[in-house]
Amino acid sequence: MDYLLVLGGLVLLIFGGEGLVRGSVSIARKVNVSELVIGLTLVGFGTSMPELVTSLRAIESGAVGISIGNVIGSNIANILLVLGLAALIKPILTNPQALKRDAAVVVVATAAVCALVYFDAFTRVSGFLMIGALIAYLAYSLWADQKGGTPAAEMHAEESELVAAEFGVVKGLVIAVAGLAGIIYGASLLVDGAVGIARAIGVSEAVIGMSIVAVGTSLPELATSVIAATRGRADVALGNVIGSNIFNILGILGITALVHPFSVMKDHAGDVAGEAMQLGGQSIVTTTDAGALVLSLFFLLLFGITGKKIARWEGGVLLAGYVLYMGLLFNIIPVPALLPNG
């Protein structure tokens, strides 16, 4: 039954997310919002909405592991799984100039979330700061892109153009509302099923959050990236993943912490963890998870920006990295104890 709940939740999240994006983009176009603004804001928020609602639902249910695991696991999956598959379909030629600003932001955001996990500091203050940083990033990006017609502006506009949505205002509103309702109900089913599966097979909720839940909520990014790659707009696929990872950290974790501050420590979260990321305590985010998050970003920068291309063999490396991470996550591959109390 739990597996059916997860499957039903994922289906509703996928179709709900698609409906929300298409409906809201259609309304924006009818009221003459530019493709740049649509690509940078609506598409980014829309594709990250399944992660947001799922994380909030998990926090409300006391499943902190699923909430934080969903965000960290989605960021890992976006790079290793989504870009890996997209590169295998078609090598991804990239524009480093267009990606430079967003890449710098995702590096800072990733460092920030690692620090917040280490110090167990997901308070309302940190949530407020993360949301403020996201708003500042969006405001600066819109100002710079509209002012100069930069390569980044072209990339975000192309990201919007990938969304096929030409409904009327009323129809677009109905589709968007129905999509949001699907996301909310789907997130509830997904969290309930995921908690049940974790208890049934004896693994932590964080493991389920970083695997099943994370992959499911990353499917909108997978669809967008594959479409972009097959249409020869590979830099858009890469830009979509970077933008999604920024939204996941600053937006989703920021809103979650602001609405419901939480702890990632085992004693407070009530979850089972592997090796502690924080010395002297057991964290539901392990050093393996943090290492996968940082290394996936390293390979993204190495292959996609400095190399100006993600070749098929590099896509294979990314996918192999994801398989390795899943093996470590489910203890199929043994993990050496690198820290005390691990």
C-alpha atoms as a PDB file:
ATOM      1  CA  MET A   1       0.000   0.000   0.000  1.00  0.00           C
ATOM      2  CA  ASP A   2       2.837   2.398   0.847  1.00  0.00           C
ATOM      3  CA  TYR A   3       4.378   1.867  -2.574  1.00  0.00           C
ATOM      4  CA  LEU A   4       1.040   2.706  -4.213  1.00  0.00           C
ATOM      5  CA  LEU A   5       0.864   5.898  -2.158  1.00  0.00           C
ATOM      6  CA  VAL A   6       4.351   6.874  -3.340  1.00  0.00           C
ATOM      7  CA  LEU A   7       3.513   6.052  -6.951  1.00  0.00           C
ATOM      8  CA  GLY A   8       0.241   7.980  -6.823  1.00  0.00           C
ATOM      9  CA  GLY A   9       1.962  10.908  -5.111  1.00  0.00           C
ATOM     10  CA  LEU A  10       4.698  11.052  -7.741  1.00  0.00           C
ATOM     11  CA  VAL A  11       2.164  10.968 -10.595  1.00  0.00           C
ATOM     12  CA  LEU A  12       0.217  13.833  -9.039  1.00  0.00           C
ATOM     13  CA  LEU A  13       3.415  15.815  -8.413  1.00  0.00           C
ATOM     14  CA  ILE A  14       4.572  15.384 -12.012  1.00  0.00           C
ATOM     15  CA  PHE A  15       1.281  16.297 -13.662  1.00  0.00           C
ATOM     16  CA  GLY A  16       0.491  18.916 -11.047  1.00  0.00           C
ATOM     17  CA  GLY A  17       3.868  20.583 -11.526  1.00  0.00           C
ATOM     18  CA  GLU A  18       3.423  20.544 -15.287  1.00  0.00           C
ATOM     19  CA  GLY A  19      -0.043  22.058 -14.979  1.00  0.00           C
ATOM     20  CA  LEU A  20       1.129  24.762 -12.583  1.00  0.00           C
ATOM     21  CA  VAL A  21       4.005  25.784 -14.852  1.00  0.00           C
ATOM     22  CA  ARG A  22       1.993  25.761 -18.083  1.00  0.00           C
ATOM     23  CA  GLY A  23      -0.990  27.532 -16.566  1.00  0.00           C
ATOM     24  CA  SER A  24       1.031  30.287 -14.891  1.00  0.00           C
ATOM     25  CA  VAL A  25       3.294  30.766 -17.924  1.00  0.00           C
ATOM     26  CA  SER A  26       0.243  31.039 -20.181  1.00  0.00           C
ATOM     27  CA  ILE A  27      -1.293  33.739 -17.954  1.00  0.00           C
ATOM     28  CA  ALA A  28       2.004  35.630 -17.847  1.00  0.00           C
ATOM     29  CA  ARG A  29       2.261  35.617 -21.630  1.00  0.00           C
ATOM     30  CA  LYS A  30      -1.296  36.879 -22.021  1.00  0.00           C
ATOM     31  CA  VAL A  31      -0.508  39.860 -19.804  1.00  0.00           C
ATOM     32  CA  ASN A  32       2.716  40.523 -21.757  1.00  0.00           C
ATOM     33  CA  VAL A  33       5.306  39.444 -19.202  1.00  0.00           C
ATOM     34  CA  SER A  34       8.649  39.009 -20.968  1.00  0.00           C
ATOM     35  CA  GLU A  35      10.085  35.557 -21.659  1.00  0.00           C
ATOM     36  CA  LEU A  36      13.137  36.549 -19.599  1.00  0.00           C
ATOM     37  CA  VAL A  37      11.069  37.193 -16.477  1.00  0.00           C
ATOM     38  CA  ILE A  38       9.026  34.042 -17.069  1.00  0.00           C
ATOM     39  CA  GLY A  39      12.114  31.887 -17.462  1.00  0.00           C
ATOM     40  CA  LEU A  40      13.928  33.290 -14.453  1.00  0.00           C
ATOM     41  CA  THR A  41      10.984  33.297 -12.038  1.00  0.00           C
ATOM     42  CA  LEU A  42       7.877  31.313 -13.014  1.00  0.00           C
ATOM     43  CA  VAL A  43       9.676  28.348 -14.573  1.00  0.00           C
ATOM     44  CA  GLY A  44      12.142  28.207 -11.709  1.00  0.00           C
ATOM     45  CA  PHE A  45       9.477  28.416  -9.012  1.00  0.00           C
ATOM     46  CA  GLY A  46       7.149  26.069 -10.876  1.00  0.00           C
ATOM     47  CA  THR A  47       9.631  23.236 -11.351  1.00  0.00           C
ATOM     48  CA  SER A  48      10.699  23.540  -7.693  1.00  0.00           C
ATOM     49  CA  MET A  49       7.145  23.599  -6.332  1.00  0.00           C
ATOM     50  CA  PRO A  50       6.948  19.776  -5.880  1.00  0.00           C
ATOM     51  CA  GLU A  51      10.066  19.907  -3.684  1.00  0.00           C
ATOM     52  CA  LEU A  52       8.684  22.853  -1.694  1.00  0.00           C
ATOM     53  CA  VAL A  53       5.281  21.356  -0.934  1.00  0.00           C
ATOM     54  CA  THR A  54       6.802  17.937  -0.193  1.00  0.00           C
ATOM     55  CA  SER A  55       9.315  19.429   2.251  1.00  0.00           C
ATOM     56  CA  LEU A  56       6.653  21.476   4.031  1.00  0.00           C
ATOM     57  CA  ARG A  57       4.333  18.475   4.256  1.00  0.00           C
ATOM     58  CA  ALA A  58       7.162  16.329   5.615  1.00  0.00           C
ATOM     59  CA  ILE A  59       8.066  18.909   8.277  1.00  0.00           C
ATOM     60  CA  GLU A  60       4.421  19.148   9.366  1.00  0.00           C
ATOM     61  CA  SER A  61       4.361  15.344   9.706  1.00  0.00           C
ATOM     62  CA  GLY A  62       7.552  15.322  11.771  1.00  0.00           C
ATOM     63  CA  ALA A  63       9.506  13.599   8.989  1.00  0.00           C
ATOM     64  CA  VAL A  64      12.512  15.933   9.061  1.00  0.00           C
ATOM     65  CA  GLY A  65      14.680  13.386   7.267  1.00  0.00           C
ATOM     66  CA  ILE A  66      12.386  13.385   4.247  1.00  0.00           C
ATOM     67  CA  SER A  67      12.246  17.185   4.195  1.00  0.00           C
ATOM     68  CA  ILE A  68      15.995  17.875   4.257  1.00  0.00           C
ATOM     69  CA  GLY A  69      16.759  14.698   2.303  1.00  0.00           C
ATOM     70  CA  ASN A  70      14.373  15.777  -0.449  1.00  0.00           C
ATOM     71  CA  VAL A  71      16.286  19.031  -1.041  1.00  0.00           C
ATOM     72  CA  ILE A  72      19.830  17.666  -0.778  1.00  0.00           C
ATOM     73  CA  GLY A  73      18.932  14.522  -2.714  1.00  0.00           C
ATOM     74  CA  SER A  74      17.194  16.551  -5.441  1.00  0.00           C
ATOM     75  CA  ASN A  75      20.283  18.732  -5.923  1.00  0.00           C
ATOM     76  CA  ILE A  76      22.466  15.630  -6.218  1.00  0.00           C
ATOM     77  CA  ALA A  77      19.996  13.962  -8.596  1.00  0.00           C
ATOM     78  CA  ASN A  78      19.672  17.109 -10.728  1.00  0.00           C
ATOM     79  CA  ILE A  79      23.386  17.042 -11.497  1.00  0.00           C
ATOM     80  CA  LEU A  80      24.354  13.380 -11.526  1.00  0.00           C
ATOM     81  CA  LEU A  81      21.124  11.823 -12.804  1.00  0.00           C
ATOM     82  CA  VAL A  82      19.358  14.539 -14.808  1.00  0.00           C
ATOM     83  CA  LEU A  83      22.400  16.028 -16.547  1.00  0.00           C
ATOM     84  CA  GLY A  84      23.993  12.604 -16.887  1.00  0.00           C
ATOM     85  CA  LEU A  85      20.976  11.266 -18.788  1.00  0.00           C
ATOM     86  CA  ALA A  86      20.652  14.441 -20.865  1.00  0.00           C
ATOM     87  CA  ALA A  87      24.328  14.245 -21.884  1.00  0.00           C
ATOM     88  CA  LEU A  88      23.981  10.582 -22.855  1.00  0.00           C
ATOM     89  CA  ILE A  89      21.079  11.500 -25.138  1.00  0.00           C
ATOM     90  CA  LYS A  90      23.025  14.352 -26.709  1.00  0.00           C
ATOM     91  CA  PRO A  91      26.352  15.953 -25.699  1.00  0.00           C
ATOM     92  CA  ILE A  92      25.698  19.269 -23.979  1.00  0.00           C
ATOM     93  CA  LEU A  93      27.536  22.250 -25.424  1.00  0.00           C
ATOM     94  CA  THR A  94      27.614  25.022 -22.851  1.00  0.00           C
ATOM     95  CA  ASN A  95      28.123  28.768 -22.703  1.00  0.00           C
ATOM     96  CA  PRO A  96      30.361  29.479 -19.657  1.00  0.00           C
ATOM     97  CA  GLN A  97      29.682  33.218 -19.916  1.00  0.00           C
ATOM     98  CA  ALA A  98      25.939  32.649 -19.596  1.00  0.00           C
ATOM     99  CA  LEU A  99      26.348  30.304 -16.645  1.00  0.00           C
ATOM    100  CA  LYS A 100      29.053  32.132 -14.697  1.00  0.00           C
ATOM    101  CA  ARG A 101      26.793  34.250 -12.469  1.00  0.00           C
ATOM    102  CA  ASP A 102      24.368  31.457 -11.591  1.00  0.00           C
ATOM    103  CA  ALA A 103      27.222  29.018 -11.012  1.00  0.00           C
ATOM    104  CA  ALA A 104      28.797  31.373  -8.475  1.00  0.00           C
ATOM    105  CA  VAL A 105      25.469  31.662  -6.633  1.00  0.00           C
ATOM    106  CA  VAL A 106      24.925  27.895  -6.482  1.00  0.00           C
ATOM    107  CA  VAL A 107      28.451  27.416  -5.100  1.00  0.00           C
ATOM    108  CA  VAL A 108      27.765  29.927  -2.301  1.00  0.00           C
ATOM    109  CA  ALA A 109      24.318  28.415  -1.632  1.00  0.00           C
ATOM    110  CA  THR A 110      25.778  24.901  -1.422  1.00  0.00           C
ATOM    111  CA  ALA A 111      28.480  26.059   0.994  1.00  0.00           C
ATOM    112  CA  ALA A 112      25.782  27.770   3.073  1.00  0.00           C
ATOM    113  CA  VAL A 113      23.585  24.668   3.360  1.00  0.00           C
ATOM    114  CA  CYS A 114      26.602  22.556   4.363  1.00  0.00           C
ATOM    115  CA  ALA A 115      27.385  25.083   7.107  1.00  0.00           C
ATOM    116  CA  LEU A 116      23.758  25.139   8.283  1.00  0.00           C
ATOM    117  CA  VAL A 117      23.724  21.344   8.478  1.00  0.00           C
ATOM    118  CA  TYR A 118      27.054  21.255  10.312  1.00  0.00           C
ATOM    119  CA  PHE A 119      25.963  23.793  12.923  1.00  0.00           C
ATOM    120  CA  ASP A 120      22.343  22.563  12.972  1.00  0.00           C
ATOM    121  CA  ALA A 121      21.168  26.117  12.366  1.00  0.00           C
ATOM    122  CA  PHE A 122      17.862  25.864  10.474  1.00  0.00           C
ATOM    123  CA  THR A 123      16.220  28.646  12.462  1.00  0.00           C
ATOM    124  CA  ARG A 124      13.758  31.317  11.406  1.00  0.00           C
ATOM    125  CA  VAL A 125      16.655  33.760  11.149  1.00  0.00           C
ATOM    126  CA  SER A 126      18.540  31.529   8.724  1.00  0.00           C
ATOM    127  CA  GLY A 127      15.320  30.940   6.788  1.00  0.00           C
ATOM    128  CA  PHE A 128      14.757  34.681   6.520  1.00  0.00           C
ATOM    129  CA  LEU A 129      18.346  35.201   5.328  1.00  0.00           C
ATOM    130  CA  MET A 130      18.044  32.478   2.693  1.00  0.00           C
ATOM    131  CA  ILE A 131      14.808  33.900   1.314  1.00  0.00           C
ATOM    132  CA  GLY A 132      16.351  37.374   1.331  1.00  0.00           C
ATOM    133  CA  ALA A 133      19.351  36.044  -0.593  1.00  0.00           C
ATOM    134  CA  LEU A 134      17.044  34.434  -3.173  1.00  0.00           C
ATOM    135  CA  ILE A 135      15.073  37.663  -3.654  1.00  0.00           C
ATOM    136  CA  ALA A 136      18.321  39.632  -4.001  1.00  0.00           C
ATOM    137  CA  TYR A 137      19.635  37.145  -6.560  1.00  0.00           C
ATOM    138  CA  LEU A 138      16.447  37.316  -8.624  1.00  0.00           C
ATOM    139  CA  ALA A 139      16.264  41.102  -8.433  1.00  0.00           C
ATOM    140  CA  TYR A 140      19.884  41.546  -9.482  1.00  0.00           C
ATOM    141  CA  SER A 141      19.548  38.977 -12.272  1.00  0.00           C
ATOM    142  CA  LEU A 142      16.465  40.671 -13.698  1.00  0.00           C
ATOM    143  CA  TRP A 143      18.090  44.101 -13.476  1.00  0.00           C
ATOM    144  CA  ALA A 144      21.346  42.988 -15.096  1.00  0.00           C
ATOM    145  CA  ASP A 145      19.702  40.905 -17.822  1.00  0.00           C
ATOM    146  CA  GLN A 146      17.100  43.497 -18.810  1.00  0.00           C
ATOM    147  CA  LYS A 147      19.745  46.201 -18.841  1.00  0.00           C
ATOM    148  CA  GLY A 148      22.396  44.491 -20.893  1.00  0.00           C
ATOM    149  CA  GLY A 149      20.906  41.689 -22.972  1.00  0.00           C
ATOM    150  CA  THR A 150      23.523  39.311 -21.581  1.00  0.00           C
ATOM    151  CA  PRO A 151      24.086  35.649 -22.580  1.00  0.00           C
ATOM    152  CA  ALA A 152      22.414  34.722 -19.281  1.00  0.00           C
ATOM    153  CA  ALA A 153      19.328  36.697 -20.337  1.00  0.00           C
ATOM    154  CA  GLU A 154      19.138  34.770 -23.604  1.00  0.00           C
ATOM    155  CA  MET A 155      19.483  31.482 -21.729  1.00  0.00           C
ATOM    156  CA  HIS A 156      16.658  32.272 -19.287  1.00  0.00           C
ATOM    157  CA  ALA A 157      14.423  33.476 -22.128  1.00  0.00           C
ATOM    158  CA  GLU A 158      15.057  30.224 -24.013  1.00  0.00           C
ATOM    159  CA  GLU A 159      14.193  28.286 -20.860  1.00  0.00           C
ATOM    160  CA  SER A 160      10.781  29.937 -20.913  1.00  0.00           C
ATOM    161  CA  GLU A 161      10.334  29.242 -24.624  1.00  0.00           C
ATOM    162  CA  LEU A 162      10.638  25.507 -23.949  1.00  0.00           C
ATOM    163  CA  VAL A 163       7.305  25.658 -22.102  1.00  0.00           C
ATOM    164  CA  ALA A 164       4.455  25.112 -24.551  1.00  0.00           C
ATOM    165  CA  ALA A 165       1.615  27.136 -23.044  1.00  0.00           C
ATOM    166  CA  GLU A 166      -0.782  29.269 -25.073  1.00  0.00           C
ATOM    167  CA  PHE A 167      -4.022  29.045 -23.114  1.00  0.00           C
ATOM    168  CA  GLY A 168      -6.356  31.900 -22.358  1.00  0.00           C
ATOM    169  CA  VAL A 169      -6.230  33.642 -18.996  1.00  0.00           C
ATOM    170  CA  VAL A 170      -9.246  31.786 -17.554  1.00  0.00           C
ATOM    171  CA  LYS A 171      -8.147  28.384 -18.837  1.00  0.00           C
ATOM    172  CA  GLY A 172      -4.591  29.041 -17.719  1.00  0.00           C
ATOM    173  CA  LEU A 173      -5.828  29.949 -14.224  1.00  0.00           C
ATOM    174  CA  VAL A 174      -7.920  26.780 -13.987  1.00  0.00           C
ATOM    175  CA  ILE A 175      -4.971  24.631 -15.114  1.00  0.00           C
ATOM    176  CA  ALA A 176      -2.592  26.361 -12.670  1.00  0.00           C
ATOM    177  CA  VAL A 177      -4.969  25.962  -9.714  1.00  0.00           C
ATOM    178  CA  ALA A 178      -5.639  22.322 -10.599  1.00  0.00           C
ATOM    179  CA  GLY A 179      -1.892  21.752 -10.867  1.00  0.00           C
ATOM    180  CA  LEU A 180      -1.270  23.295  -7.463  1.00  0.00           C
ATOM    181  CA  ALA A 181      -4.017  21.148  -5.931  1.00  0.00           C
ATOM    182  CA  GLY A 182      -2.416  18.073  -7.509  1.00  0.00           C
ATOM    183  CA  ILE A 183       0.963  19.026  -6.035  1.00  0.00           C
ATOM    184  CA  ILE A 184      -0.469  19.509  -2.544  1.00  0.00           C
ATOM    185  CA  TYR A 185      -2.388  16.221  -2.510  1.00  0.00           C
ATOM    186  CA  GLY A 186       0.443  14.376  -4.246  1.00  0.00           C
ATOM    187  CA  ALA A 187       2.957  15.607  -1.675  1.00  0.00           C
ATOM    188  CA  SER A 188       0.732  14.309   1.125  1.00  0.00           C
ATOM    189  CA  LEU A 189       0.510  10.869  -0.482  1.00  0.00           C
ATOM    190  CA  LEU A 190       4.230  10.805  -1.203  1.00  0.00           C
ATOM    191  CA  VAL A 191       5.270  11.692   2.343  1.00  0.00           C
ATOM    192  CA  ASP A 192       2.846   9.213   3.944  1.00  0.00           C
ATOM    193  CA  GLY A 193       4.017   6.436   1.644  1.00  0.00           C
ATOM    194  CA  ALA A 194       7.691   7.291   2.057  1.00  0.00           C
ATOM    195  CA  VAL A 195       7.451   7.218   5.857  1.00  0.00           C
ATOM    196  CA  GLY A 196       5.727   3.861   5.672  1.00  0.00           C
ATOM    197  CA  ILE A 197       8.375   2.413   3.359  1.00  0.00           C
ATOM    198  CA  ALA A 198      11.190   3.670   5.579  1.00  0.00           C
ATOM    199  CA  ARG A 199       9.670   1.955   8.607  1.00  0.00           C
ATOM    200  CA  ALA A 200       8.900  -1.246   6.702  1.00  0.00           C
ATOM    201  CA  ILE A 201      12.397  -1.789   5.284  1.00  0.00           C
ATOM    202  CA  GLY A 202      14.245  -0.427   8.308  1.00  0.00           C
ATOM    203  CA  VAL A 203      16.096   2.509   6.786  1.00  0.00           C
ATOM    204  CA  SER A 204      16.058   6.128   7.846  1.00  0.00           C
ATOM    205  CA  GLU A 205      13.565   8.611   6.483  1.00  0.00           C
ATOM    206  CA  ALA A 206      16.526  10.655   5.264  1.00  0.00           C
ATOM    207  CA  VAL A 207      17.602   7.765   3.009  1.00  0.00           C
ATOM    208  CA  ILE A 208      14.131   7.563   1.473  1.00  0.00           C
ATOM    209  CA  GLY A 209      14.049  11.353   1.137  1.00  0.00           C
ATOM    210  CA  MET A 210      17.390  11.429  -0.674  1.00  0.00           C
ATOM    211  CA  SER A 211      16.467   8.590  -3.023  1.00  0.00           C
ATOM    212  CA  ILE A 212      12.839   7.869  -3.904  1.00  0.00           C
ATOM    213  CA  VAL A 213      11.417  11.260  -2.923  1.00  0.00           C
ATOM    214  CA  ALA A 214      14.312  13.256  -4.393  1.00  0.00           C
ATOM    215  CA  VAL A 215      14.220  11.463  -7.739  1.00  0.00           C
ATOM    216  CA  GLY A 216      10.463  11.844  -7.964  1.00  0.00           C
ATOM    217  CA  THR A 217      10.489  15.570  -7.279  1.00  0.00           C
ATOM    218  CA  SER A 218      13.377  16.023  -9.754  1.00  0.00           C
ATOM    219  CA  LEU A 219      11.403  14.602 -12.679  1.00  0.00           C
ATOM    220  CA  PRO A 220      10.261  18.071 -13.915  1.00  0.00           C
ATOM    221  CA  GLU A 221      13.930  19.097 -14.234  1.00  0.00           C
ATOM    222  CA  LEU A 222      14.652  15.822 -16.026  1.00  0.00           C
ATOM    223  CA  ALA A 223      11.872  16.453 -18.563  1.00  0.00           C
ATOM    224  CA  THR A 224      12.988  20.054 -19.174  1.00  0.00           C
ATOM    225  CA  SER A 225      16.652  19.103 -19.559  1.00  0.00           C
ATOM    226  CA  VAL A 226      15.990  16.212 -21.943  1.00  0.00           C
ATOM    227  CA  ILE A 227      13.749  18.412 -24.115  1.00  0.00           C
ATOM    228  CA  ALA A 228      16.388  21.162 -24.138  1.00  0.00           C
ATOM    229  CA  ALA A 229      19.158  18.707 -25.064  1.00  0.00           C
ATOM    230  CA  THR A 230      17.197  17.127 -27.919  1.00  0.00           C
ATOM    231  CA  ARG A 231      16.352  20.584 -29.306  1.00  0.00           C
ATOM    232  CA  GLY A 232      19.999  21.637 -29.317  1.00  0.00           C
ATOM    233  CA  ARG A 233      19.598  24.102 -26.429  1.00  0.00           C
ATOM    234  CA  ALA A 234      21.954  22.292 -24.092  1.00  0.00           C
ATOM    235  CA  ASP A 235      23.085  25.367 -22.175  1.00  0.00           C
ATOM    236  CA  VAL A 236      19.426  25.815 -21.203  1.00  0.00           C
ATOM    237  CA  ALA A 237      19.411  22.271 -19.761  1.00  0.00           C
ATOM    238  CA  LEU A 238      22.451  23.094 -17.653  1.00  0.00           C
ATOM    239  CA  GLY A 239      21.077  26.494 -16.676  1.00  0.00           C
ATOM    240  CA  ASN A 240      17.798  24.865 -15.636  1.00  0.00           C
ATOM    241  CA  VAL A 241      19.607  22.494 -13.283  1.00  0.00           C
ATOM    242  CA  ILE A 242      21.743  25.253 -11.742  1.00  0.00           C
ATOM    243  CA  GLY A 243      18.704  27.486 -11.288  1.00  0.00           C
ATOM    244  CA  SER A 244      16.694  24.654  -9.748  1.00  0.00           C
ATOM    245  CA  ASN A 245      19.467  23.904  -7.258  1.00  0.00           C
ATOM    246  CA  ILE A 246      19.556  27.567  -6.228  1.00  0.00           C
ATOM    247  CA  PHE A 247      15.785  27.592  -5.711  1.00  0.00           C
ATOM    248  CA  ASN A 248      15.939  24.313  -3.765  1.00  0.00           C
ATOM    249  CA  ILE A 249      18.454  25.591  -1.228  1.00  0.00           C
ATOM    250  CA  LEU A 250      17.561  29.244  -0.834  1.00  0.00           C
ATOM    251  CA  GLY A 251      13.839  29.003  -1.529  1.00  0.00           C
ATOM    252  CA  ILE A 252      12.682  25.627  -0.267  1.00  0.00           C
ATOM    253  CA  LEU A 253      14.925  25.306   2.776  1.00  0.00           C
ATOM    254  CA  GLY A 254      14.495  29.014   3.454  1.00  0.00           C
ATOM    255  CA  ILE A 255      10.692  28.860   3.446  1.00  0.00           C
ATOM    256  CA  THR A 256      10.681  25.578   5.376  1.00  0.00           C
ATOM    257  CA  ALA A 257      12.940  26.952   8.118  1.00  0.00           C
ATOM    258  CA  LEU A 258      10.942  30.188   8.277  1.00  0.00           C
ATOM    259  CA  VAL A 259       7.599  28.387   8.568  1.00  0.00           C
ATOM    260  CA  HIS A 260       8.792  25.570  10.827  1.00  0.00           C
ATOM    261  CA  PRO A 261      12.352  25.731  12.232  1.00  0.00           C
ATOM    262  CA  PHE A 262      13.853  22.253  12.509  1.00  0.00           C
ATOM    263  CA  SER A 263      16.862  20.310  13.724  1.00  0.00           C
ATOM    264  CA  VAL A 264      18.881  17.801  11.698  1.00  0.00           C
ATOM    265  CA  MET A 265      20.306  16.156  14.815  1.00  0.00           C
ATOM    266  CA  LYS A 266      19.138  12.632  15.539  1.00  0.00           C
ATOM    267  CA  ASP A 267      18.075  13.304  19.133  1.00  0.00           C
ATOM    268  CA  HIS A 268      15.844  16.179  18.051  1.00  0.00           C
ATOM    269  CA  ALA A 269      14.643  14.953  14.681  1.00  0.00           C
ATOM    270  CA  GLY A 270      13.816  11.455  15.888  1.00  0.00           C
ATOM    271  CA  ASP A 271      15.439   9.873  12.851  1.00  0.00           C
ATOM    272  CA  VAL A 272      18.111   7.232  12.358  1.00  0.00           C
ATOM    273  CA  ALA A 273      21.343   8.429  10.784  1.00  0.00           C
ATOM    274  CA  GLY A 274      24.576   7.068   9.443  1.00  0.00           C
ATOM    275  CA  GLU A 275      27.924   8.701  10.018  1.00  0.00           C
ATOM    276  CA  ALA A 276      27.503  12.095  11.640  1.00  0.00           C
ATOM    277  CA  MET A 277      28.449  15.128   9.627  1.00  0.00           C
ATOM    278  CA  GLN A 278      28.809  17.106  12.840  1.00  0.00           C
ATOM    279  CA  LEU A 279      31.480  16.097  15.352  1.00  0.00           C
ATOM    280  CA  GLY A 280      30.070  14.989  18.673  1.00  0.00           C
ATOM    281  CA  GLY A 281      26.551  14.237  17.465  1.00  0.00           C
ATOM    282  CA  GLN A 282      24.495  12.183  15.068  1.00  0.00           C
ATOM    283  CA  SER A 283      23.126  14.114  12.109  1.00  0.00           C
ATOM    284  CA  ILE A 284      20.489  12.819   9.721  1.00  0.00           C
ATOM    285  CA  VAL A 285      22.646  14.314   6.944  1.00  0.00           C
ATOM    286  CA  THR A 286      25.775  12.154   6.765  1.00  0.00           C
ATOM    287  CA  THR A 287      29.226  12.973   5.458  1.00  0.00           C
ATOM    288  CA  THR A 288      28.386  10.743   2.492  1.00  0.00           C
ATOM    289  CA  ASP A 289      25.419  12.974   1.617  1.00  0.00           C
ATOM    290  CA  ALA A 290      27.411  16.178   2.051  1.00  0.00           C
ATOM    291  CA  GLY A 291      30.301  14.736   0.067  1.00  0.00           C
ATOM    292  CA  ALA A 292      28.000  13.702  -2.788  1.00  0.00           C
ATOM    293  CA  LEU A 293      26.459  17.182  -2.832  1.00  0.00           C
ATOM    294  CA  VAL A 294      29.846  18.927  -3.002  1.00  0.00           C
ATOM    295  CA  LEU A 295      31.441  16.477  -5.459  1.00  0.00           C
ATOM    296  CA  SER A 296      28.458  16.583  -7.806  1.00  0.00           C
ATOM    297  CA  LEU A 297      28.779  20.369  -7.949  1.00  0.00           C
ATOM    298  CA  PHE A 298      32.532  20.052  -8.528  1.00  0.00           C
ATOM    299  CA  PHE A 299      31.992  17.783 -11.541  1.00  0.00           C
ATOM    300  CA  LEU A 300      29.249  20.073 -12.841  1.00  0.00           C
ATOM    301  CA  LEU A 301      31.679  23.002 -12.848  1.00  0.00           C
ATOM    302  CA  LEU A 302      34.503  20.865 -14.234  1.00  0.00           C
ATOM    303  CA  PHE A 303      32.542  19.352 -17.106  1.00  0.00           C
ATOM    304  CA  GLY A 304      29.932  21.988 -17.880  1.00  0.00           C
ATOM    305  CA  ILE A 305      31.663  25.303 -17.392  1.00  0.00           C
ATOM    306  CA  THR A 306      35.425  24.957 -17.576  1.00  0.00           C
ATOM    307  CA  GLY A 307      35.183  22.281 -20.235  1.00  0.00           C
ATOM    308  CA  LYS A 308      32.511  24.129 -22.278  1.00  0.00           C
ATOM    309  CA  LYS A 309      30.889  20.755 -22.974  1.00  0.00           C
ATOM    310  CA  ILE A 310      29.428  17.734 -21.239  1.00  0.00           C
ATOM    311  CA  ALA A 311      30.326  14.856 -23.544  1.00  0.00           C
ATOM    312  CA  ARG A 312      28.573  11.500 -23.528  1.00  0.00           C
ATOM    313  CA  TRP A 313      31.407   9.881 -21.576  1.00  0.00           C
ATOM    314  CA  GLU A 314      31.180  12.664 -18.999  1.00  0.00           C
ATOM    315  CA  GLY A 315      27.445  12.038 -18.755  1.00  0.00           C
ATOM    316  CA  GLY A 316      28.324   8.417 -18.096  1.00  0.00           C
ATOM    317  CA  VAL A 317      30.677   9.492 -15.313  1.00  0.00           C
ATOM    318  CA  LEU A 318      27.881  11.544 -13.727  1.00  0.00           C
ATOM    319  CA  LEU A 319      25.465   8.611 -13.904  1.00  0.00           C
ATOM    320  CA  ALA A 320      28.075   6.251 -12.476  1.00  0.00           C
ATOM    321  CA  GLY A 321      28.542   8.706  -9.628  1.00  0.00           C
ATOM    322  CA  TYR A 322      24.809   8.576  -8.911  1.00  0.00           C
ATOM    323  CA  VAL A 323      24.809   4.773  -8.902  1.00  0.00           C
ATOM    324  CA  LEU A 324      27.776   4.849  -6.511  1.00  0.00           C
ATOM    325  CA  TYR A 325      25.969   7.296  -4.216  1.00  0.00           C
ATOM    326  CA  MET A 326      22.846   5.115  -4.152  1.00  0.00           C
ATOM    327  CA  GLY A 327      25.023   2.117  -3.277  1.00  0.00           C
ATOM    328  CA  LEU A 328      26.577   4.022  -0.392  1.00  0.00           C
ATOM    329  CA  LEU A 329      23.218   5.393   0.713  1.00  0.00           C
ATOM    330  CA  PHE A 330      21.618   1.953   1.031  1.00  0.00           C
ATOM    331  CA  ASN A 331      24.772   0.372   2.496  1.00  0.00           C
ATOM    332  CA  ILE A 332      25.273  -1.859  -0.546  1.00  0.00           C
ATOM    333  CA  ILE A 333      28.787  -0.419  -0.642  1.00  0.00           C
ATOM    334  CA  PRO A 334      30.463  -0.146   2.799  1.00  0.00           C
ATOM    335  CA  VAL A 335      31.396   3.343   4.015  1.00  0.00           C
ATOM    336  CA  PRO A 336      34.606   3.789   6.050  1.00  0.00           C
ATOM    337  CA  ALA A 337      34.197   5.677   9.321  1.00  0.00           C
ATOM    338  CA  LEU A 338      35.903   8.999   8.640  1.00  0.00           C
ATOM    339  CA  LEU A 339      34.676  10.841  11.712  1.00  0.00           C
ATOM    340  CA  PRO A 340      34.408   9.923  15.381  1.00  0.00           C
ATOM    341  CA  ASN A 341      30.999   8.760  16.616  1.00  0.00           C
ATOM    342  CA  GLY A 342      30.149   7.656  13.075  1.00  0.00           C
END
